[in-house]
Protein backbone atom coordinates (compact mmCIF):
# COMPACT_ATOMS: atom_id res chain seq x y z
CA UNK A 1 43.79 139.02 45.07
CA UNK A 2 47.06 137.28 44.71
CA UNK A 3 48.45 136.36 48.30
CA UNK A 4 51.62 134.68 46.98
CA UNK A 5 53.92 137.83 47.54
CA UNK A 6 52.92 137.94 51.29
CA UNK A 7 52.64 134.07 51.90
CA UNK A 8 56.17 133.58 53.47
CA UNK A 9 55.58 136.69 55.77
CA UNK A 10 52.04 136.68 56.41
CA UNK A 11 52.08 134.83 59.93
CA UNK A 12 54.61 137.46 61.08
CA UNK A 13 52.77 140.39 59.60
CA UNK A 14 49.49 139.15 61.40
CA UNK A 15 51.39 138.86 64.81
CA UNK A 16 52.94 142.32 64.52
CA UNK A 17 49.31 143.94 63.81
CA UNK A 18 47.28 141.85 66.15
CA UNK A 19 49.42 139.64 68.23
CA UNK A 20 47.53 136.15 68.60
CA UNK A 21 44.17 137.66 68.28
CA UNK A 22 43.33 136.29 64.87
CA UNK A 23 44.88 132.86 65.69
CA UNK A 24 42.86 132.64 68.73
CA UNK A 25 39.79 133.65 66.77
CA UNK A 26 40.49 130.76 64.20
CA UNK A 27 40.59 128.24 67.24
CA UNK A 28 37.79 129.71 69.12
CA UNK A 29 35.37 126.96 68.15
CA UNK A 30 37.51 124.17 67.04
CA UNK A 31 35.69 121.82 69.34
CA UNK A 32 32.73 122.25 67.17
CA UNK A 33 34.62 120.48 64.44
CA UNK A 34 35.62 117.26 66.48
CA UNK A 35 32.87 115.30 65.09
CA UNK A 36 32.67 116.45 61.42
CA UNK A 37 33.11 113.86 58.83
CA UNK A 38 33.54 116.01 55.77
CA UNK A 39 34.88 119.44 56.09
CA UNK A 40 35.14 122.34 53.53
CA UNK A 41 37.78 125.13 54.37
CA UNK A 42 37.80 128.05 52.06
CA UNK A 43 40.79 130.29 52.23
CA UNK A 44 42.82 128.15 54.49
CA UNK A 45 45.87 130.38 54.19
CA UNK A 46 49.13 128.79 55.73
CA UNK A 47 47.55 125.99 57.25
CA UNK A 48 47.33 126.91 61.02
CA UNK A 49 43.83 126.09 61.55
CA UNK A 50 44.09 122.82 59.31
CA UNK A 51 46.92 121.71 61.49
CA UNK A 52 44.99 121.89 64.51
CA UNK A 53 41.90 120.34 62.85
CA UNK A 54 43.56 117.34 61.71
CA UNK A 55 45.09 116.92 65.25
CA UNK A 56 41.57 117.08 67.00
CA UNK A 57 39.68 115.18 64.50
CA UNK A 58 41.42 112.22 62.91
CA UNK A 59 38.53 110.93 60.90
CA UNK A 60 37.18 113.86 58.88
CA UNK A 61 37.80 113.97 55.05
CA UNK A 62 38.90 117.65 54.44
CA UNK A 63 38.92 119.85 51.29
CA UNK A 64 41.19 122.91 51.67
CA UNK A 65 40.90 125.65 49.13
CA UNK A 66 43.08 128.67 48.52
CA UNK A 67 43.72 130.71 45.53
CA UNK A 68 47.36 131.00 46.36
CA UNK A 69 49.72 128.25 45.62
CA UNK A 70 52.40 129.43 48.04
CA UNK A 71 49.86 129.45 50.88
CA UNK A 72 48.69 125.67 50.04
CA UNK A 73 52.36 124.67 49.86
CA UNK A 74 52.97 126.12 53.40
CA UNK A 75 49.69 124.46 54.60
CA UNK A 76 50.98 121.10 53.16
CA UNK A 77 54.10 121.20 54.82
CA UNK A 78 52.63 122.19 58.19
CA UNK A 79 50.43 119.17 58.61
CA UNK A 80 51.89 115.77 59.64
CA UNK A 81 52.52 113.37 56.77
CA UNK A 82 49.83 111.00 58.28
CA UNK A 83 47.22 113.44 57.59
CA UNK A 84 47.81 114.16 53.99
CA UNK A 85 45.54 111.05 52.85
CA UNK A 86 42.73 112.58 54.26
CA UNK A 87 43.21 116.20 53.10
CA UNK A 88 42.56 117.45 49.47
CA UNK A 89 44.08 120.67 48.40
CA UNK A 90 42.72 122.60 45.62
CA UNK A 91 44.31 125.77 44.06
CA UNK A 92 41.30 127.74 42.77
CA UNK A 93 39.24 130.78 42.97
CA UNK A 94 36.21 129.97 44.89
CA UNK A 95 34.19 132.81 43.40
CA UNK A 96 35.12 131.85 39.68
CA UNK A 97 35.08 128.08 39.99
CA UNK A 98 32.67 125.33 40.98
CA UNK A 99 33.37 123.98 44.49
CA UNK A 100 33.92 120.36 45.15
CA UNK A 101 30.93 118.27 45.35
CA UNK A 102 28.99 118.01 48.92
CA UNK A 103 27.61 117.02 51.09
CA UNK A 104 29.82 118.72 53.71
CA UNK A 105 28.78 118.72 57.41
CA UNK A 106 31.17 121.60 58.23
CA UNK A 107 32.34 124.72 56.31
CA UNK A 108 35.17 127.00 57.57
CA UNK A 109 36.03 130.50 56.54
CA UNK A 110 38.69 132.39 58.46
CA UNK A 111 39.25 136.05 57.22
CA UNK A 112 37.89 135.07 53.72
CA UNK A 113 34.57 136.74 53.21
CA UNK A 114 36.25 140.33 53.71
CA UNK A 115 37.89 139.77 50.60
CA UNK A 116 34.91 140.16 48.41
CA UNK A 117 32.23 142.75 47.76
CA UNK A 118 28.58 142.37 48.56
CA UNK A 119 27.85 140.50 45.21
CA UNK A 120 31.01 138.12 45.56
CA UNK A 121 30.01 137.21 49.37
CA UNK A 122 26.52 136.40 48.15
CA UNK A 123 27.80 134.20 45.67
CA UNK A 124 30.17 132.65 47.87
CA UNK A 125 27.43 131.84 50.50
CA UNK A 126 24.89 130.42 47.78
CA UNK A 127 27.90 128.22 46.65
CA UNK A 128 28.66 126.99 50.11
CA UNK A 129 25.05 126.54 51.00
CA UNK A 130 24.57 124.34 48.14
CA UNK A 131 27.30 121.75 49.09
CA UNK A 132 26.29 121.72 52.86
CA UNK A 133 24.01 119.14 54.31
CA UNK A 134 20.97 120.31 56.26
CA UNK A 135 22.08 121.15 59.92
CA UNK A 136 25.70 121.65 58.87
CA UNK A 137 27.73 124.19 60.71
CA UNK A 138 29.79 127.13 59.50
CA UNK A 139 32.56 128.47 61.45
CA UNK A 140 33.37 132.16 60.48
CA UNK A 141 36.14 134.23 61.64
CA UNK A 142 35.97 137.87 60.41
CA UNK A 143 36.59 141.57 61.13
CA UNK A 144 33.42 143.70 61.84
CA UNK A 145 32.35 147.20 62.45
CA UNK A 146 30.55 147.93 65.64
CA UNK A 147 27.46 149.81 65.26
CA UNK A 148 28.31 152.83 67.63
CA UNK A 149 30.85 155.10 69.45
CA UNK A 150 34.56 154.91 69.53
CA UNK A 151 34.64 151.08 68.88
CA UNK A 152 33.12 151.92 65.33
CA UNK A 153 35.74 154.63 64.73
CA UNK A 154 38.52 152.24 66.01
CA UNK A 155 37.38 149.43 63.50
CA UNK A 156 36.64 151.70 60.42
CA UNK A 157 40.42 153.04 61.06
CA UNK A 158 41.82 149.51 61.15
CA UNK A 159 39.85 148.29 58.09
CA UNK A 160 40.74 151.36 55.94
CA UNK A 161 44.40 150.65 56.70
CA UNK A 162 44.24 147.01 55.99
CA UNK A 163 42.20 147.34 52.79
CA UNK A 164 44.69 149.79 51.44
CA UNK A 165 47.59 147.76 52.49
CA UNK A 166 46.24 144.57 50.88
CA UNK A 167 45.15 146.58 47.67
CA UNK A 168 48.71 147.54 47.18
CA UNK A 169 50.44 144.13 47.82
CA UNK A 170 48.04 141.68 46.61
CA UNK A 171 45.71 143.72 44.18
CA UNK A 172 42.71 143.15 46.36
CA UNK A 173 40.04 145.16 44.64
CA UNK A 174 37.47 145.21 47.63
CA UNK A 175 37.81 148.41 49.69
CA UNK A 176 34.91 147.91 52.34
CA UNK A 177 33.63 145.27 54.49
CA UNK A 178 30.55 143.41 53.12
CA UNK A 179 27.73 142.87 55.31
CA UNK A 180 28.14 139.05 55.34
CA UNK A 181 26.00 138.57 58.55
CA UNK A 182 22.76 139.70 56.83
CA UNK A 183 23.61 137.70 53.65
CA UNK A 184 23.96 134.67 56.00
CA UNK A 185 20.69 135.19 57.72
CA UNK A 186 19.01 135.70 54.38
CA UNK A 187 20.40 132.50 53.20
CA UNK A 188 18.85 130.59 56.03
CA UNK A 189 21.75 130.42 58.40
CA UNK A 190 21.13 130.94 62.33
CA UNK A 191 24.05 132.18 64.34
CA UNK A 192 24.59 129.97 67.45
CA UNK A 193 27.57 131.39 69.22
CA UNK A 194 30.03 134.39 69.01
CA UNK A 195 32.99 135.68 70.46
CA UNK A 196 34.53 139.25 69.95
CA UNK A 197 38.13 140.64 70.52
CA UNK A 198 39.95 143.76 69.89
CA UNK A 199 37.16 146.08 71.00
CA UNK A 200 34.76 144.28 68.67
CA UNK A 201 37.00 144.46 65.63
CA UNK A 202 37.40 140.81 65.41
CA UNK A 203 34.62 138.17 65.85
CA UNK A 204 34.47 134.38 65.64
CA UNK A 205 30.96 132.85 65.04
CA UNK A 206 29.31 129.44 64.72
CA UNK A 207 26.38 129.51 62.11
CA UNK A 208 24.06 126.53 61.16
CA UNK A 209 22.21 125.67 58.18
CA UNK A 210 18.44 125.85 58.97
CA UNK A 211 16.91 125.53 55.65
């Protein structure tokens, strides 16, 4: 997908659709990042999480990856000038390109895994797993589909609408939410914490690399 056309307006589109729910999801477990020394962020977007991270953790080396040049430009301009020496920005397709070498003790993906199909997510998880230290944490903010009832119908309506919108505006080819949770578990990650919002549509999670 090419997020460049939406970069300047993405924040306001997000607020119009979800208020501050996605933003709060990104920040839910920021306290888990305070002691990290090397951080990998995939799909950083416009830099709102990155800005908070460099403020609460003044020692970590951070690698921020996004395929959108305009999103990365927004992220660069958002962080303080003093933080630039600690942040390496990379414009690349994380699925098609090698990731920067580890070892990282924290990975972060917020509303990123939903951009790939099952095979793409499996490949991303494998790549991230390869550059994480044993015991490293992974902060995940994502959409999900509850298993039953009206909450499931509510989530499906939202997800169908969003996939159609991003398919038209960014060329996103994925049209369904992959089961990233099952793939993380199969890859040796354990879920430590989670918080849900918007009737279960939005979830923030802390995962740990166990093997």
